[in-house]
């Protein structure tokens, strides 16, 4: 089953809810790919021996890996960290996450500054490009186990919005200028 994504409503209700618009507006994988979001469906039960995961890591140069359980019982300062994850931000590098158990939401901004919610579940590996505005939250299951992959030493620095002058943001915007001839502007 492929990853699910949709345009979000404007509600301030619990961020762990799906936040579908009425009517629902689903977002296809090719639209996510246009934003630079990449996706693979893998076998989370055998990640230690998964040749496809090994190929992705080798091809993209991901030589560091760790595991993170996000739930009240296993994450120190859970409420504070979840609040930080949900603050809109960018990174100077790609964000690579492989969901091994549970589920949660990555929200990304599209070219028109609309939120797209991406529901990741066990087996979903996604890559968010450097410079894309995004955030993360759990869904109502309140649990996810993620594999985090990095090139070189891990960097966990988030740059909260606005970051229009950050080099990674400028490069991300420029990638759209080259593709469609129109600059991506933040609103």
C-alpha atoms as a PDB file:
ATOM      1  CA  UNK A   1       0.000   0.000   0.000  1.00  0.00           C
ATOM      2  CA  UNK A   2       1.413   3.379  -0.997  1.00  0.00           C
ATOM      3  CA  UNK A   3       1.840   6.291   1.342  1.00  0.00           C
ATOM      4  CA  UNK A   4      -1.198   8.520   1.903  1.00  0.00           C
ATOM      5  CA  UNK A   5      -1.056  12.311   1.584  1.00  0.00           C
ATOM      6  CA  UNK A   6      -3.659  15.095   1.462  1.00  0.00           C
ATOM      7  CA  UNK A   7      -4.111  18.848   1.654  1.00  0.00           C
ATOM      8  CA  UNK A   8      -4.837  19.862   5.239  1.00  0.00           C
ATOM      9  CA  UNK A   9      -7.699  21.928   6.578  1.00  0.00           C
ATOM     10  CA  UNK A  10      -6.991  25.157   8.482  1.00  0.00           C
ATOM     11  CA  UNK A  11      -8.220  23.884  11.841  1.00  0.00           C
ATOM     12  CA  UNK A  12      -6.264  24.444  15.063  1.00  0.00           C
ATOM     13  CA  UNK A  13      -7.670  21.255  16.598  1.00  0.00           C
ATOM     14  CA  UNK A  14      -5.413  18.534  17.984  1.00  0.00           C
ATOM     15  CA  UNK A  15      -2.529  18.152  15.466  1.00  0.00           C
ATOM     16  CA  UNK A  16      -2.721  14.357  15.921  1.00  0.00           C
ATOM     17  CA  UNK A  17      -6.035  14.306  14.033  1.00  0.00           C
ATOM     18  CA  UNK A  18      -5.983  13.753  10.240  1.00  0.00           C
ATOM     19  CA  UNK A  19      -7.098  17.306   9.334  1.00  0.00           C
ATOM     20  CA  UNK A  20      -8.687  16.361   6.007  1.00  0.00           C
ATOM     21  CA  UNK A  21     -10.377  19.103   4.050  1.00  0.00           C
ATOM     22  CA  UNK A  22     -14.063  18.690   3.274  1.00  0.00           C
ATOM     23  CA  UNK A  23     -14.245  17.203   0.686  1.00  0.00           C
ATOM     24  CA  UNK A  24     -10.951  15.323   0.996  1.00  0.00           C
ATOM     25  CA  UNK A  25      -8.190  16.443  -1.378  1.00  0.00           C
ATOM     26  CA  UNK A  26      -5.703  13.615  -1.773  1.00  0.00           C
ATOM     27  CA  UNK A  27      -2.198  14.325  -3.052  1.00  0.00           C
ATOM     28  CA  UNK A  28      -0.600  11.798  -5.440  1.00  0.00           C
ATOM     29  CA  UNK A  29       2.998  10.601  -5.094  1.00  0.00           C
ATOM     30  CA  UNK A  30       4.063  12.430  -8.246  1.00  0.00           C
ATOM     31  CA  UNK A  31       2.987  15.742  -6.676  1.00  0.00           C
ATOM     32  CA  UNK A  32       5.143  14.965  -3.630  1.00  0.00           C
ATOM     33  CA  UNK A  33       8.020  14.085  -5.977  1.00  0.00           C
ATOM     34  CA  UNK A  34       7.635  17.507  -7.653  1.00  0.00           C
ATOM     35  CA  UNK A  35       8.260  19.020  -4.207  1.00  0.00           C
ATOM     36  CA  UNK A  36      11.388  16.880  -3.833  1.00  0.00           C
ATOM     37  CA  UNK A  37       9.797  14.409  -1.386  1.00  0.00           C
ATOM     38  CA  UNK A  38      10.961  10.870  -2.155  1.00  0.00           C
ATOM     39  CA  UNK A  39       9.286   7.655  -1.006  1.00  0.00           C
ATOM     40  CA  UNK A  40       9.994   3.943  -0.803  1.00  0.00           C
ATOM     41  CA  UNK A  41       7.926   1.084   0.611  1.00  0.00           C
ATOM     42  CA  UNK A  42      10.168  -1.397   2.441  1.00  0.00           C
ATOM     43  CA  UNK A  43       9.872  -4.375   4.804  1.00  0.00           C
ATOM     44  CA  UNK A  44      10.180  -2.999   8.357  1.00  0.00           C
ATOM     45  CA  UNK A  45      10.248  -6.464   9.929  1.00  0.00           C
ATOM     46  CA  UNK A  46      13.619  -7.287   8.332  1.00  0.00           C
ATOM     47  CA  UNK A  47      15.322  -3.887   8.065  1.00  0.00           C
ATOM     48  CA  UNK A  48      18.649  -5.292   9.283  1.00  0.00           C
ATOM     49  CA  UNK A  49      18.871  -7.572   6.214  1.00  0.00           C
ATOM     50  CA  UNK A  50      16.885  -5.520   3.676  1.00  0.00           C
ATOM     51  CA  UNK A  51      18.876  -5.316   0.429  1.00  0.00           C
ATOM     52  CA  UNK A  52      16.683  -2.494  -0.925  1.00  0.00           C
ATOM     53  CA  UNK A  53      17.411  -0.392   2.188  1.00  0.00           C
ATOM     54  CA  UNK A  54      21.103  -1.227   1.869  1.00  0.00           C
ATOM     55  CA  UNK A  55      21.018  -0.080  -1.789  1.00  0.00           C
ATOM     56  CA  UNK A  56      19.292   3.194  -0.880  1.00  0.00           C
ATOM     57  CA  UNK A  57      21.846   3.852   1.860  1.00  0.00           C
ATOM     58  CA  UNK A  58      24.800   3.109  -0.425  1.00  0.00           C
ATOM     59  CA  UNK A  59      23.446   5.041  -3.413  1.00  0.00           C
ATOM     60  CA  UNK A  60      22.601   8.137  -1.362  1.00  0.00           C
ATOM     61  CA  UNK A  61      25.613   7.963   0.975  1.00  0.00           C
ATOM     62  CA  UNK A  62      23.718   7.402   4.246  1.00  0.00           C
ATOM     63  CA  UNK A  63      26.428   6.001   6.478  1.00  0.00           C
ATOM     64  CA  UNK A  64      24.917   6.853   9.886  1.00  0.00           C
ATOM     65  CA  UNK A  65      21.775   5.306  11.345  1.00  0.00           C
ATOM     66  CA  UNK A  66      19.977   5.380  14.671  1.00  0.00           C
ATOM     67  CA  UNK A  67      16.548   4.445  15.998  1.00  0.00           C
ATOM     68  CA  UNK A  68      14.124   6.730  17.818  1.00  0.00           C
ATOM     69  CA  UNK A  69      10.999   5.710  19.720  1.00  0.00           C
ATOM     70  CA  UNK A  70       8.564   8.616  20.022  1.00  0.00           C
ATOM     71  CA  UNK A  71       6.004   7.993  22.744  1.00  0.00           C
ATOM     72  CA  UNK A  72       5.434   9.344  26.264  1.00  0.00           C
ATOM     73  CA  UNK A  73       7.075   6.317  27.914  1.00  0.00           C
ATOM     74  CA  UNK A  74      10.289   6.234  25.857  1.00  0.00           C
ATOM     75  CA  UNK A  75      11.166   9.816  24.877  1.00  0.00           C
ATOM     76  CA  UNK A  76      12.638  12.083  27.522  1.00  0.00           C
ATOM     77  CA  UNK A  77      10.911  15.494  27.622  1.00  0.00           C
ATOM     78  CA  UNK A  78       8.230  14.029  25.349  1.00  0.00           C
ATOM     79  CA  UNK A  79       5.811  17.001  25.334  1.00  0.00           C
ATOM     80  CA  UNK A  80       8.564  19.560  24.728  1.00  0.00           C
ATOM     81  CA  UNK A  81      10.170  17.506  21.940  1.00  0.00           C
ATOM     82  CA  UNK A  82       6.852  16.864  20.214  1.00  0.00           C
ATOM     83  CA  UNK A  83       6.127  20.595  20.337  1.00  0.00           C
ATOM     84  CA  UNK A  84       9.547  21.300  18.772  1.00  0.00           C
ATOM     85  CA  UNK A  85       8.997  18.676  16.054  1.00  0.00           C
ATOM     86  CA  UNK A  86       5.674  20.367  15.204  1.00  0.00           C
ATOM     87  CA  UNK A  87       7.162  23.849  14.877  1.00  0.00           C
ATOM     88  CA  UNK A  88       7.523  24.703  11.190  1.00  0.00           C
ATOM     89  CA  UNK A  89      11.186  24.540  10.188  1.00  0.00           C
ATOM     90  CA  UNK A  90      13.790  23.590   7.594  1.00  0.00           C
ATOM     91  CA  UNK A  91      17.097  21.732   7.725  1.00  0.00           C
ATOM     92  CA  UNK A  92      20.332  22.366   5.852  1.00  0.00           C
ATOM     93  CA  UNK A  93      20.379  18.646   4.914  1.00  0.00           C
ATOM     94  CA  UNK A  94      17.812  16.090   3.816  1.00  0.00           C
ATOM     95  CA  UNK A  95      15.614  14.568   6.479  1.00  0.00           C
ATOM     96  CA  UNK A  96      15.457  10.803   6.022  1.00  0.00           C
ATOM     97  CA  UNK A  97      13.013   8.800   8.105  1.00  0.00           C
ATOM     98  CA  UNK A  98      12.059   5.144   7.892  1.00  0.00           C
ATOM     99  CA  UNK A  99       9.003   4.124   9.923  1.00  0.00           C
ATOM    100  CA  UNK A 100       9.571   0.727  11.537  1.00  0.00           C
ATOM    101  CA  UNK A 101       6.535   0.649  13.855  1.00  0.00           C
ATOM    102  CA  UNK A 102       3.542   2.847  14.597  1.00  0.00           C
ATOM    103  CA  UNK A 103       2.620   5.914  12.566  1.00  0.00           C
ATOM    104  CA  UNK A 104       2.761   9.689  12.423  1.00  0.00           C
ATOM    105  CA  UNK A 105       2.450  12.711  10.165  1.00  0.00           C
ATOM    106  CA  UNK A 106       5.007  14.734   8.260  1.00  0.00           C
ATOM    107  CA  UNK A 107       3.506  17.983   7.001  1.00  0.00           C
ATOM    108  CA  UNK A 108       5.238  19.788   4.117  1.00  0.00           C
ATOM    109  CA  UNK A 109       4.505  23.083   2.385  1.00  0.00           C
ATOM    110  CA  UNK A 110       3.738  23.017  -1.328  1.00  0.00           C
ATOM    111  CA  UNK A 111       4.614  25.679  -3.919  1.00  0.00           C
ATOM    112  CA  UNK A 112       1.535  27.688  -2.887  1.00  0.00           C
ATOM    113  CA  UNK A 113       2.406  27.468   0.825  1.00  0.00           C
ATOM    114  CA  UNK A 114      -0.412  24.994   1.546  1.00  0.00           C
ATOM    115  CA  UNK A 115       0.146  22.227   4.060  1.00  0.00           C
ATOM    116  CA  UNK A 116       0.246  18.672   2.731  1.00  0.00           C
ATOM    117  CA  UNK A 117      -0.050  15.983   5.387  1.00  0.00           C
ATOM    118  CA  UNK A 118       1.901  12.764   4.736  1.00  0.00           C
ATOM    119  CA  UNK A 119       0.837   9.813   6.871  1.00  0.00           C
ATOM    120  CA  UNK A 120       3.755   7.478   7.434  1.00  0.00           C
ATOM    121  CA  UNK A 121       3.227   3.949   8.687  1.00  0.00           C
ATOM    122  CA  UNK A 122       5.458   0.922   9.222  1.00  0.00           C
ATOM    123  CA  UNK A 123       7.418   0.303   6.024  1.00  0.00           C
ATOM    124  CA  UNK A 124       7.370   3.879   4.719  1.00  0.00           C
ATOM    125  CA  UNK A 125      10.732   5.538   4.061  1.00  0.00           C
ATOM    126  CA  UNK A 126      10.572   9.199   3.082  1.00  0.00           C
ATOM    127  CA  UNK A 127      13.172  11.799   2.287  1.00  0.00           C
ATOM    128  CA  UNK A 128      12.375  15.473   2.708  1.00  0.00           C
ATOM    129  CA  UNK A 129      14.716  17.724   0.728  1.00  0.00           C
ATOM    130  CA  UNK A 130      16.923  20.284   2.456  1.00  0.00           C
ATOM    131  CA  UNK A 131      15.164  23.649   2.627  1.00  0.00           C
ATOM    132  CA  UNK A 132      11.540  22.435   2.521  1.00  0.00           C
ATOM    133  CA  UNK A 133       9.319  23.828   5.266  1.00  0.00           C
ATOM    134  CA  UNK A 134       7.958  20.919   7.277  1.00  0.00           C
ATOM    135  CA  UNK A 135       6.948  19.631  10.710  1.00  0.00           C
ATOM    136  CA  UNK A 136       6.186  16.291  12.376  1.00  0.00           C
ATOM    137  CA  UNK A 137       3.639  14.997  14.848  1.00  0.00           C
ATOM    138  CA  UNK A 138       2.315  11.687  16.001  1.00  0.00           C
ATOM    139  CA  UNK A 139      -1.179  10.590  15.061  1.00  0.00           C
ATOM    140  CA  UNK A 140      -3.675   9.418  17.687  1.00  0.00           C
ATOM    141  CA  UNK A 141      -1.747   6.154  18.188  1.00  0.00           C
ATOM    142  CA  UNK A 142       0.854   8.236  20.096  1.00  0.00           C
ATOM    143  CA  UNK A 143       3.686   5.958  18.994  1.00  0.00           C
ATOM    144  CA  UNK A 144       6.210   5.694  16.208  1.00  0.00           C
ATOM    145  CA  UNK A 145       9.594   4.006  15.918  1.00  0.00           C
ATOM    146  CA  UNK A 146      11.743   5.716  13.315  1.00  0.00           C
ATOM    147  CA  UNK A 147      15.088   4.965  11.767  1.00  0.00           C
ATOM    148  CA  UNK A 148      16.998   8.182  11.152  1.00  0.00           C
ATOM    149  CA  UNK A 149      19.597   8.144   8.392  1.00  0.00           C
ATOM    150  CA  UNK A 150      22.310  10.716   7.732  1.00  0.00           C
ATOM    151  CA  UNK A 151      25.249  11.386   5.464  1.00  0.00           C
ATOM    152  CA  UNK A 152      28.305  11.691   7.678  1.00  0.00           C
ATOM    153  CA  UNK A 153      27.913  12.897  11.238  1.00  0.00           C
ATOM    154  CA  UNK A 154      24.275  13.428  12.264  1.00  0.00           C
ATOM    155  CA  UNK A 155      23.054  17.016  12.447  1.00  0.00           C
ATOM    156  CA  UNK A 156      19.800  17.752  14.252  1.00  0.00           C
ATOM    157  CA  UNK A 157      19.681  21.514  13.769  1.00  0.00           C
ATOM    158  CA  UNK A 158      16.277  22.955  12.872  1.00  0.00           C
ATOM    159  CA  UNK A 159      15.836  26.464  11.529  1.00  0.00           C
ATOM    160  CA  UNK A 160      12.365  27.753  12.388  1.00  0.00           C
ATOM    161  CA  UNK A 161      10.411  29.723   9.829  1.00  0.00           C
ATOM    162  CA  UNK A 162      11.059  32.289   8.399  1.00  0.00           C
ATOM    163  CA  UNK A 163      14.302  31.185   6.740  1.00  0.00           C
ATOM    164  CA  UNK A 164      14.071  32.706   3.261  1.00  0.00           C
ATOM    165  CA  UNK A 165      17.746  33.766   3.380  1.00  0.00           C
ATOM    166  CA  UNK A 166      19.080  30.377   4.523  1.00  0.00           C
ATOM    167  CA  UNK A 167      21.272  28.820   1.782  1.00  0.00           C
ATOM    168  CA  UNK A 168      19.338  25.525   1.883  1.00  0.00           C
ATOM    169  CA  UNK A 169      16.028  27.372   1.459  1.00  0.00           C
ATOM    170  CA  UNK A 170      17.390  29.457  -1.416  1.00  0.00           C
ATOM    171  CA  UNK A 171      18.680  26.328  -3.155  1.00  0.00           C
ATOM    172  CA  UNK A 172      15.339  24.587  -2.626  1.00  0.00           C
ATOM    173  CA  UNK A 173      13.446  27.540  -4.133  1.00  0.00           C
ATOM    174  CA  UNK A 174      15.917  27.698  -7.019  1.00  0.00           C
ATOM    175  CA  UNK A 175      15.207  24.035  -7.808  1.00  0.00           C
ATOM    176  CA  UNK A 176      11.621  25.045  -8.641  1.00  0.00           C
ATOM    177  CA  UNK A 177      12.733  28.000 -10.724  1.00  0.00           C
ATOM    178  CA  UNK A 178      14.742  25.608 -12.892  1.00  0.00           C
ATOM    179  CA  UNK A 179      11.850  23.128 -13.154  1.00  0.00           C
ATOM    180  CA  UNK A 180       8.905  25.405 -13.870  1.00  0.00           C
ATOM    181  CA  UNK A 181      10.351  28.837 -14.585  1.00  0.00           C
ATOM    182  CA  UNK A 182       8.572  30.407 -11.617  1.00  0.00           C
ATOM    183  CA  UNK A 183      10.150  31.109  -8.245  1.00  0.00           C
ATOM    184  CA  UNK A 184       8.597  29.559  -5.161  1.00  0.00           C
ATOM    185  CA  UNK A 185       7.672  32.391  -2.837  1.00  0.00           C
ATOM    186  CA  UNK A 186       6.904  32.031   0.841  1.00  0.00           C
ATOM    187  CA  UNK A 187       3.749  33.720   2.041  1.00  0.00           C
END
